[in-house]
Amino acid sequence: MGHYDLIDIGVNLTDKSFRSDVDAVIQHAASVGVNRLVVTGTTVKESIEAVGLAERYPGQVYTTAGVHPHYVKHCDDYSLQQLRDLAAHQSVVAIGECGLDFNRNLSPQNTQIDWFEQQLNLAIELNMPIFLHQRDAHDAFMEVLKHKHAQMAAGVVVHCFTGTVAEVLDYNELDLYIGVTGWVCDERRGQSLQEAVKHIPLNRLMIETDAPYLLPRDLKPKPKSRRNVPSHLPHICESVARFMGKPVQEVAEQSTLSAKRFFNLP
């Protein structure tokens, strides 16, 4: 495996599976060229924890601040103010993870749409990039984004994209960035994504592990723990390049460039 300078744009380092060894995980990632990590904020509480972690690793760990659609049913007026306050921290580089998840509907769909719009409005107000989640809700998701798109000047990334060619083409029309994970390494479930990545413009691609989730299925040797870690990002980069039909070095350089530009990283 080559050595590239990579940025993992989606890693859940506040997850309990990292509680005992988060420092070792961050250091190991850097040792294989994954030099910057963007920690995903999924609730106000997790976003606060993520900021605390990022402040211990300036220049290496950054974070988003937002509420995942699963959890928006717990939000109130104060939640938005907390996100606004968090966004003032130097380490917070985007608003999110926000969006729609009609696969599990852990929060009612109308509540999801309302809080998706509120978090988009906050990002627009603060002129910050937006980090999005969408699952089984493409049409409703596009409707909200088309309505707001003209105001979202700081950029939008659809993180952990696992969808179809048609969805990529819709996102391309709005000039969105797309985050691709090790889902692309799954020979069973990843086939539509393997096809879809061919249609992602290279200057709109970013890569991520979504660790501890989505351990690439084709890792050799297979890790004993089922936990995914950011040090697997080079493997994901090589897989994405293979399915895109592009040189790995080019995919590595362009995805890193896009992440730097999008999150405004040094």
C-alpha atoms as a PDB file:
ATOM      1  CA  MET A   1       0.000   0.000   0.000  1.00  0.00           C
ATOM      2  CA  GLY A   2       1.293   3.438  -0.935  1.00  0.00           C
ATOM      3  CA  HIS A   3       1.769   6.328   1.477  1.00  0.00           C
ATOM      4  CA  TYR A   4      -0.527   9.261   0.773  1.00  0.00           C
ATOM      5  CA  ASP A   5      -1.425  12.448   2.627  1.00  0.00           C
ATOM      6  CA  LEU A   6      -5.108  11.837   3.406  1.00  0.00           C
ATOM      7  CA  ILE A   7      -7.942  13.472   5.343  1.00  0.00           C
ATOM      8  CA  ASP A   8     -10.663  11.293   6.874  1.00  0.00           C
ATOM      9  CA  ILE A   9     -13.703  13.560   6.605  1.00  0.00           C
ATOM     10  CA  GLY A  10     -16.009  11.348   8.700  1.00  0.00           C
ATOM     11  CA  VAL A  11     -14.868   9.503  11.814  1.00  0.00           C
ATOM     12  CA  ASN A  12     -16.949   8.925  14.959  1.00  0.00           C
ATOM     13  CA  LEU A  13     -14.173   9.233  17.531  1.00  0.00           C
ATOM     14  CA  THR A  14     -16.623  10.031  20.328  1.00  0.00           C
ATOM     15  CA  ASP A  15     -18.115   6.541  19.917  1.00  0.00           C
ATOM     16  CA  LYS A  16     -17.751   4.391  23.042  1.00  0.00           C
ATOM     17  CA  SER A  17     -15.633   1.857  21.124  1.00  0.00           C
ATOM     18  CA  PHE A  18     -12.810   4.434  21.075  1.00  0.00           C
ATOM     19  CA  ARG A  19     -13.067   5.367  24.746  1.00  0.00           C
ATOM     20  CA  SER A  20     -10.038   3.388  25.893  1.00  0.00           C
ATOM     21  CA  ASP A  21      -7.590   4.057  23.036  1.00  0.00           C
ATOM     22  CA  VAL A  22      -8.597   7.181  21.106  1.00  0.00           C
ATOM     23  CA  ASP A  23      -5.074   8.656  21.339  1.00  0.00           C
ATOM     24  CA  ALA A  24      -3.460   5.512  19.920  1.00  0.00           C
ATOM     25  CA  VAL A  25      -6.052   5.460  17.096  1.00  0.00           C
ATOM     26  CA  ILE A  26      -5.276   9.081  16.143  1.00  0.00           C
ATOM     27  CA  GLN A  27      -1.507   8.454  16.282  1.00  0.00           C
ATOM     28  CA  HIS A  28      -1.717   5.241  14.241  1.00  0.00           C
ATOM     29  CA  ALA A  29      -3.770   7.033  11.577  1.00  0.00           C
ATOM     30  CA  ALA A  30      -1.075   9.728  11.279  1.00  0.00           C
ATOM     31  CA  SER A  31       1.632   7.067  10.979  1.00  0.00           C
ATOM     32  CA  VAL A  32       0.023   5.797   7.738  1.00  0.00           C
ATOM     33  CA  GLY A  33      -0.536   9.273   6.282  1.00  0.00           C
ATOM     34  CA  VAL A  34      -4.058  10.008   7.552  1.00  0.00           C
ATOM     35  CA  ASN A  35      -2.876  13.276   9.000  1.00  0.00           C
ATOM     36  CA  ARG A  36      -6.156  15.073   9.593  1.00  0.00           C
ATOM     37  CA  LEU A  37      -9.451  13.760  10.931  1.00  0.00           C
ATOM     38  CA  VAL A  38     -12.862  15.414  10.950  1.00  0.00           C
ATOM     39  CA  VAL A  39     -14.922  14.015  13.827  1.00  0.00           C
ATOM     40  CA  THR A  40     -18.638  13.744  13.129  1.00  0.00           C
ATOM     41  CA  GLY A  41     -20.978  15.544  15.539  1.00  0.00           C
ATOM     42  CA  THR A  42     -24.235  13.563  15.751  1.00  0.00           C
ATOM     43  CA  THR A  43     -25.902  15.170  18.788  1.00  0.00           C
ATOM     44  CA  VAL A  44     -25.255  18.348  20.785  1.00  0.00           C
ATOM     45  CA  LYS A  45     -23.623  16.252  23.542  1.00  0.00           C
ATOM     46  CA  GLU A  46     -21.383  14.346  21.088  1.00  0.00           C
ATOM     47  CA  SER A  47     -20.511  17.593  19.299  1.00  0.00           C
ATOM     48  CA  ILE A  48     -19.372  19.096  22.634  1.00  0.00           C
ATOM     49  CA  GLU A  49     -17.257  15.966  23.312  1.00  0.00           C
ATOM     50  CA  ALA A  50     -15.804  16.141  19.794  1.00  0.00           C
ATOM     51  CA  VAL A  51     -14.741  19.764  20.312  1.00  0.00           C
ATOM     52  CA  GLY A  52     -12.993  18.746  23.539  1.00  0.00           C
ATOM     53  CA  LEU A  53     -11.094  16.037  21.672  1.00  0.00           C
ATOM     54  CA  ALA A  54     -10.201  18.340  18.770  1.00  0.00           C
ATOM     55  CA  GLU A  55      -8.798  20.921  21.176  1.00  0.00           C
ATOM     56  CA  ARG A  56      -6.293  18.305  22.395  1.00  0.00           C
ATOM     57  CA  TYR A  57      -5.074  17.787  18.814  1.00  0.00           C
ATOM     58  CA  PRO A  58      -4.926  21.214  17.160  1.00  0.00           C
ATOM     59  CA  GLY A  59      -4.164  21.022  13.448  1.00  0.00           C
ATOM     60  CA  GLN A  60      -4.839  17.291  13.413  1.00  0.00           C
ATOM     61  CA  VAL A  61      -8.403  16.751  14.667  1.00  0.00           C
ATOM     62  CA  TYR A  62     -11.343  18.913  13.594  1.00  0.00           C
ATOM     63  CA  THR A  63     -15.056  18.420  14.085  1.00  0.00           C
ATOM     64  CA  THR A  64     -18.543  19.138  12.834  1.00  0.00           C
ATOM     65  CA  ALA A  65     -21.396  20.298  15.069  1.00  0.00           C
ATOM     66  CA  GLY A  66     -24.908  19.087  14.392  1.00  0.00           C
ATOM     67  CA  VAL A  67     -27.745  16.674  15.125  1.00  0.00           C
ATOM     68  CA  HIS A  68     -28.265  13.505  13.064  1.00  0.00           C
ATOM     69  CA  PRO A  69     -31.870  12.944  11.884  1.00  0.00           C
ATOM     70  CA  HIS A  70     -32.198   9.968  14.265  1.00  0.00           C
ATOM     71  CA  TYR A  71     -31.904  12.293  17.255  1.00  0.00           C
ATOM     72  CA  VAL A  72     -33.735  15.473  16.232  1.00  0.00           C
ATOM     73  CA  LYS A  73     -36.857  14.436  18.158  1.00  0.00           C
ATOM     74  CA  HIS A  74     -34.884  15.338  21.305  1.00  0.00           C
ATOM     75  CA  CYS A  75     -34.070  18.871  20.062  1.00  0.00           C
ATOM     76  CA  ASP A  76     -35.569  22.090  21.395  1.00  0.00           C
ATOM     77  CA  ASP A  77     -34.969  25.815  20.872  1.00  0.00           C
ATOM     78  CA  TYR A  78     -31.903  25.681  23.088  1.00  0.00           C
ATOM     79  CA  SER A  79     -30.314  22.985  20.842  1.00  0.00           C
ATOM     80  CA  LEU A  80     -29.909  25.435  17.985  1.00  0.00           C
ATOM     81  CA  GLN A  81     -28.299  28.016  20.278  1.00  0.00           C
ATOM     82  CA  GLN A  82     -25.889  25.353  21.546  1.00  0.00           C
ATOM     83  CA  LEU A  83     -24.910  24.505  17.960  1.00  0.00           C
ATOM     84  CA  ARG A  84     -24.415  28.199  17.204  1.00  0.00           C
ATOM     85  CA  ASP A  85     -22.147  28.516  20.255  1.00  0.00           C
ATOM     86  CA  LEU A  86     -20.193  25.384  19.306  1.00  0.00           C
ATOM     87  CA  ALA A  87     -19.684  26.663  15.766  1.00  0.00           C
ATOM     88  CA  ALA A  88     -17.632  29.554  17.160  1.00  0.00           C
ATOM     89  CA  HIS A  89     -14.888  27.110  18.229  1.00  0.00           C
ATOM     90  CA  GLN A  90     -11.842  27.135  15.999  1.00  0.00           C
ATOM     91  CA  SER A  91     -11.931  23.342  15.602  1.00  0.00           C
ATOM     92  CA  VAL A  92     -15.536  23.264  14.284  1.00  0.00           C
ATOM     93  CA  VAL A  93     -15.302  23.256  10.496  1.00  0.00           C
ATOM     94  CA  ALA A  94     -18.882  22.438   9.386  1.00  0.00           C
ATOM     95  CA  ILE A  95     -22.488  22.230  10.540  1.00  0.00           C
ATOM     96  CA  GLY A  96     -23.837  18.672  10.639  1.00  0.00           C
ATOM     97  CA  GLU A  97     -24.262  15.749  10.573  1.00  0.00           C
ATOM     98  CA  CYS A  98     -27.768  16.714   9.542  1.00  0.00           C
ATOM     99  CA  GLY A  99     -30.251  15.523   6.950  1.00  0.00           C
ATOM    100  CA  LEU A 100     -32.921  12.875   6.494  1.00  0.00           C
ATOM    101  CA  ASP A 101     -33.096   9.172   7.347  1.00  0.00           C
ATOM    102  CA  PHE A 102     -36.362   7.590   6.232  1.00  0.00           C
ATOM    103  CA  ASN A 103     -34.831   4.112   6.484  1.00  0.00           C
ATOM    104  CA  ARG A 104     -35.344   3.865  10.222  1.00  0.00           C
ATOM    105  CA  ASN A 105     -37.487   6.924  10.981  1.00  0.00           C
ATOM    106  CA  LEU A 106     -36.188   7.099  14.553  1.00  0.00           C
ATOM    107  CA  SER A 107     -37.520  10.663  14.524  1.00  0.00           C
ATOM    108  CA  PRO A 108     -40.799  11.541  12.722  1.00  0.00           C
ATOM    109  CA  GLN A 109     -40.262  12.580   9.093  1.00  0.00           C
ATOM    110  CA  ASN A 110     -41.762  16.063   9.519  1.00  0.00           C
ATOM    111  CA  THR A 111     -39.481  16.668  12.543  1.00  0.00           C
ATOM    112  CA  GLN A 112     -36.509  15.491  10.485  1.00  0.00           C
ATOM    113  CA  ILE A 113     -37.331  17.907   7.654  1.00  0.00           C
ATOM    114  CA  ASP A 114     -37.862  20.795  10.097  1.00  0.00           C
ATOM    115  CA  TRP A 115     -34.489  20.269  11.836  1.00  0.00           C
ATOM    116  CA  PHE A 116     -32.720  19.656   8.534  1.00  0.00           C
ATOM    117  CA  GLU A 117     -33.933  23.086   7.402  1.00  0.00           C
ATOM    118  CA  GLN A 118     -33.053  24.733  10.719  1.00  0.00           C
ATOM    119  CA  GLN A 119     -29.488  23.412  10.616  1.00  0.00           C
ATOM    120  CA  LEU A 120     -29.119  24.467   6.965  1.00  0.00           C
ATOM    121  CA  ASN A 121     -30.329  27.944   7.940  1.00  0.00           C
ATOM    122  CA  LEU A 122     -27.761  28.050  10.744  1.00  0.00           C
ATOM    123  CA  ALA A 123     -24.958  27.109   8.336  1.00  0.00           C
ATOM    124  CA  ILE A 124     -26.165  29.767   5.881  1.00  0.00           C
ATOM    125  CA  GLU A 125     -26.286  32.376   8.671  1.00  0.00           C
ATOM    126  CA  LEU A 126     -22.730  31.482   9.772  1.00  0.00           C
ATOM    127  CA  ASN A 127     -21.460  30.980   6.197  1.00  0.00           C
ATOM    128  CA  MET A 128     -20.183  27.509   7.114  1.00  0.00           C
ATOM    129  CA  PRO A 129     -19.977  24.301   5.077  1.00  0.00           C
ATOM    130  CA  ILE A 130     -22.681  21.672   5.611  1.00  0.00           C
ATOM    131  CA  PHE A 131     -22.120  17.972   6.354  1.00  0.00           C
ATOM    132  CA  LEU A 132     -25.132  15.893   5.328  1.00  0.00           C
ATOM    133  CA  HIS A 133     -26.670  12.459   5.870  1.00  0.00           C
ATOM    134  CA  GLN A 134     -29.301  10.946   3.577  1.00  0.00           C
ATOM    135  CA  ARG A 135     -30.748   7.453   3.638  1.00  0.00           C
ATOM    136  CA  ASP A 136     -33.836   6.295   1.740  1.00  0.00           C
ATOM    137  CA  ALA A 137     -35.020   9.913   1.531  1.00  0.00           C
ATOM    138  CA  HIS A 138     -33.495  11.152  -1.728  1.00  0.00           C
ATOM    139  CA  ASP A 139     -36.528  12.957  -3.152  1.00  0.00           C
ATOM    140  CA  ALA A 140     -37.388  14.850   0.052  1.00  0.00           C
ATOM    141  CA  PHE A 141     -33.679  15.583   0.574  1.00  0.00           C
ATOM    142  CA  MET A 142     -33.335  17.054  -2.932  1.00  0.00           C
ATOM    143  CA  GLU A 143     -36.479  19.138  -2.476  1.00  0.00           C
ATOM    144  CA  VAL A 144     -35.051  20.817   0.643  1.00  0.00           C
ATOM    145  CA  LEU A 145     -31.615  21.302  -0.937  1.00  0.00           C
ATOM    146  CA  LYS A 146     -32.969  22.786  -4.175  1.00  0.00           C
ATOM    147  CA  HIS A 147     -34.982  25.274  -2.149  1.00  0.00           C
ATOM    148  CA  LYS A 148     -31.919  26.374  -0.110  1.00  0.00           C
ATOM    149  CA  HIS A 149     -29.177  25.749  -2.630  1.00  0.00           C
ATOM    150  CA  ALA A 150     -28.622  29.314  -3.848  1.00  0.00           C
ATOM    151  CA  GLN A 151     -27.825  30.446  -0.278  1.00  0.00           C
ATOM    152  CA  MET A 152     -25.395  27.654   0.621  1.00  0.00           C
ATOM    153  CA  ALA A 153     -22.274  29.347  -0.691  1.00  0.00           C
ATOM    154  CA  ALA A 154     -19.822  27.678   1.719  1.00  0.00           C
ATOM    155  CA  GLY A 155     -20.368  24.216   0.206  1.00  0.00           C
ATOM    156  CA  VAL A 156     -22.251  21.001   0.923  1.00  0.00           C
ATOM    157  CA  VAL A 157     -21.008  17.422   1.268  1.00  0.00           C
ATOM    158  CA  VAL A 158     -23.250  14.356   1.255  1.00  0.00           C
ATOM    159  CA  HIS A 159     -21.320  12.165   3.656  1.00  0.00           C
ATOM    160  CA  CYS A 160     -21.212   8.362   3.631  1.00  0.00           C
ATOM    161  CA  PHE A 161     -22.795   8.160   0.181  1.00  0.00           C
ATOM    162  CA  THR A 162     -23.963   4.632  -0.681  1.00  0.00           C
ATOM    163  CA  GLY A 163     -26.403   5.431  -3.482  1.00  0.00           C
ATOM    164  CA  THR A 164     -26.917   5.127  -7.209  1.00  0.00           C
ATOM    165  CA  VAL A 165     -25.712   6.721 -10.442  1.00  0.00           C
ATOM    166  CA  ALA A 166     -29.007   8.656 -10.652  1.00  0.00           C
ATOM    167  CA  GLU A 167     -28.445  10.129  -7.177  1.00  0.00           C
ATOM    168  CA  VAL A 168     -24.881  11.171  -8.067  1.00  0.00           C
ATOM    169  CA  LEU A 169     -26.182  12.929 -11.180  1.00  0.00           C
ATOM    170  CA  ASP A 170     -28.733  14.829  -9.054  1.00  0.00           C
ATOM    171  CA  TYR A 171     -25.964  15.879  -6.637  1.00  0.00           C
ATOM    172  CA  ASN A 172     -23.713  16.894  -9.539  1.00  0.00           C
ATOM    173  CA  GLU A 173     -26.431  19.261 -10.775  1.00  0.00           C
ATOM    174  CA  LEU A 174     -26.246  21.091  -7.429  1.00  0.00           C
ATOM    175  CA  ASP A 175     -22.426  20.905  -7.435  1.00  0.00           C
ATOM    176  CA  LEU A 176     -22.357  18.988  -4.135  1.00  0.00           C
ATOM    177  CA  TYR A 177     -19.319  17.205  -2.739  1.00  0.00           C
ATOM    178  CA  ILE A 178     -19.711  13.467  -2.105  1.00  0.00           C
ATOM    179  CA  GLY A 179     -18.029  11.479   0.691  1.00  0.00           C
ATOM    180  CA  VAL A 180     -17.289   7.813  -0.077  1.00  0.00           C
ATOM    181  CA  THR A 181     -16.556   5.144   2.547  1.00  0.00           C
ATOM    182  CA  GLY A 182     -15.414   1.518   2.614  1.00  0.00           C
ATOM    183  CA  TRP A 183     -18.951   0.573   1.543  1.00  0.00           C
ATOM    184  CA  VAL A 184     -17.345   0.622  -1.924  1.00  0.00           C
ATOM    185  CA  CYS A 185     -15.240  -2.407  -0.840  1.00  0.00           C
ATOM    186  CA  ASP A 186     -18.314  -4.588  -0.249  1.00  0.00           C
ATOM    187  CA  GLU A 187     -18.748  -7.027  -3.136  1.00  0.00           C
ATOM    188  CA  ARG A 188     -22.373  -7.712  -2.104  1.00  0.00           C
ATOM    189  CA  ARG A 189     -23.932  -4.436  -1.006  1.00  0.00           C
ATOM    190  CA  GLY A 190     -21.506  -2.029  -2.663  1.00  0.00           C
ATOM    191  CA  GLN A 191     -22.196  -2.789  -6.313  1.00  0.00           C
ATOM    192  CA  SER A 192     -24.378   0.239  -7.055  1.00  0.00           C
ATOM    193  CA  LEU A 193     -21.791   2.474  -5.342  1.00  0.00           C
ATOM    194  CA  GLN A 194     -18.963   0.880  -7.359  1.00  0.00           C
ATOM    195  CA  GLU A 195     -20.833   1.983 -10.473  1.00  0.00           C
ATOM    196  CA  ALA A 196     -21.839   5.385  -9.054  1.00  0.00           C
ATOM    197  CA  VAL A 197     -18.288   6.504  -8.139  1.00  0.00           C
ATOM    198  CA  LYS A 198     -17.409   6.542 -11.858  1.00  0.00           C
ATOM    199  CA  HIS A 199     -19.791   9.530 -12.153  1.00  0.00           C
ATOM    200  CA  ILE A 200     -18.437  11.569  -9.217  1.00  0.00           C
ATOM    201  CA  PRO A 201     -16.295  14.450 -10.560  1.00  0.00           C
ATOM    202  CA  LEU A 202     -12.789  14.062  -9.138  1.00  0.00           C
ATOM    203  CA  ASN A 203     -12.903  17.630  -7.780  1.00  0.00           C
ATOM    204  CA  ARG A 204     -16.088  16.778  -5.822  1.00  0.00           C
ATOM    205  CA  LEU A 205     -14.875  13.550  -4.199  1.00  0.00           C
ATOM    206  CA  MET A 206     -13.884  13.185  -0.551  1.00  0.00           C
ATOM    207  CA  ILE A 207     -13.097   9.964   1.299  1.00  0.00           C
ATOM    208  CA  GLU A 208     -13.885   8.775   4.800  1.00  0.00           C
ATOM    209  CA  THR A 209     -14.002   5.696   7.013  1.00  0.00           C
ATOM    210  CA  ASP A 210     -17.129   6.443   9.098  1.00  0.00           C
ATOM    211  CA  ALA A 211     -15.184   4.543  11.784  1.00  0.00           C
ATOM    212  CA  PRO A 212     -15.992   2.561  13.897  1.00  0.00           C
ATOM    213  CA  TYR A 213     -18.670   1.549  11.359  1.00  0.00           C
ATOM    214  CA  LEU A 214     -18.345   0.152   7.826  1.00  0.00           C
ATOM    215  CA  LEU A 215     -15.152  -1.880   8.173  1.00  0.00           C
ATOM    216  CA  PRO A 216     -14.079  -2.596   4.567  1.00  0.00           C
ATOM    217  CA  ARG A 217     -15.106  -6.182   3.827  1.00  0.00           C
ATOM    218  CA  ASP A 218     -12.057  -6.994   1.699  1.00  0.00           C
ATOM    219  CA  LEU A 219      -9.303  -6.128   4.204  1.00  0.00           C
ATOM    220  CA  LYS A 220      -6.558  -8.754   4.323  1.00  0.00           C
ATOM    221  CA  PRO A 221      -5.816  -9.938   6.933  1.00  0.00           C
ATOM    222  CA  LYS A 222      -9.221  -9.309   8.464  1.00  0.00           C
ATOM    223  CA  PRO A 223      -8.978  -7.423  11.777  1.00  0.00           C
ATOM    224  CA  LYS A 224     -10.074  -9.558  14.717  1.00  0.00           C
ATOM    225  CA  SER A 225     -12.160  -6.703  16.048  1.00  0.00           C
ATOM    226  CA  ARG A 226     -14.974  -5.614  13.736  1.00  0.00           C
ATOM    227  CA  ARG A 227     -14.095  -2.012  14.533  1.00  0.00           C
ATOM    228  CA  ASN A 228     -13.182   0.264  11.657  1.00  0.00           C
ATOM    229  CA  VAL A 229     -10.394   2.809  12.273  1.00  0.00           C
ATOM    230  CA  PRO A 230      -9.129   5.846  10.309  1.00  0.00           C
ATOM    231  CA  SER A 231      -5.870   4.054   9.460  1.00  0.00           C
ATOM    232  CA  HIS A 232      -7.913   1.993   6.945  1.00  0.00           C
ATOM    233  CA  LEU A 233      -8.425   5.118   4.800  1.00  0.00           C
ATOM    234  CA  PRO A 234      -5.504   4.388   2.412  1.00  0.00           C
ATOM    235  CA  HIS A 235      -7.146   1.042   1.588  1.00  0.00           C
ATOM    236  CA  ILE A 236     -10.449   2.813   0.872  1.00  0.00           C
ATOM    237  CA  CYS A 237      -8.643   5.370  -1.289  1.00  0.00           C
ATOM    238  CA  GLU A 238      -7.087   2.594  -3.376  1.00  0.00           C
ATOM    239  CA  SER A 239     -10.469   0.877  -3.796  1.00  0.00           C
ATOM    240  CA  VAL A 240     -12.199   4.120  -4.840  1.00  0.00           C
ATOM    241  CA  ALA A 241      -9.439   4.781  -7.398  1.00  0.00           C
ATOM    242  CA  ARG A 242      -9.812   1.267  -8.817  1.00  0.00           C
ATOM    243  CA  PHE A 243     -13.564   1.641  -9.355  1.00  0.00           C
ATOM    244  CA  MET A 244     -13.176   5.168 -10.730  1.00  0.00           C
ATOM    245  CA  GLY A 245     -10.504   3.944 -13.120  1.00  0.00           C
ATOM    246  CA  LYS A 246      -8.100   6.663 -11.945  1.00  0.00           C
ATOM    247  CA  PRO A 247      -4.517   6.556 -10.616  1.00  0.00           C
ATOM    248  CA  VAL A 248      -4.482   6.211  -6.809  1.00  0.00           C
ATOM    249  CA  GLN A 249      -2.081   9.123  -6.376  1.00  0.00           C
ATOM    250  CA  GLU A 250      -4.437  11.408  -8.285  1.00  0.00           C
ATOM    251  CA  VAL A 251      -7.473  10.330  -6.216  1.00  0.00           C
ATOM    252  CA  ALA A 252      -5.468  10.802  -2.994  1.00  0.00           C
ATOM    253  CA  GLU A 253      -4.242  14.269  -3.962  1.00  0.00           C
ATOM    254  CA  GLN A 254      -7.575  15.516  -5.289  1.00  0.00           C
ATOM    255  CA  SER A 255      -9.662  14.232  -2.366  1.00  0.00           C
ATOM    256  CA  THR A 256      -7.231  15.817   0.103  1.00  0.00           C
ATOM    257  CA  LEU A 257      -7.278  19.080  -1.835  1.00  0.00           C
ATOM    258  CA  SER A 258     -11.099  19.063  -1.837  1.00  0.00           C
ATOM    259  CA  ALA A 259     -11.244  18.368   1.912  1.00  0.00           C
ATOM    260  CA  LYS A 260      -8.779  21.187   2.640  1.00  0.00           C
ATOM    261  CA  ARG A 261     -10.737  23.603   0.492  1.00  0.00           C
ATOM    262  CA  PHE A 262     -14.167  22.511   1.748  1.00  0.00           C
ATOM    263  CA  PHE A 263     -13.356  22.515   5.485  1.00  0.00           C
ATOM    264  CA  ASN A 264     -10.936  25.434   5.148  1.00  0.00           C
ATOM    265  CA  LEU A 265      -8.054  23.438   6.677  1.00  0.00           C
ATOM    266  CA  PRO A 266      -4.419  24.600   6.675  1.00  0.00           C
END
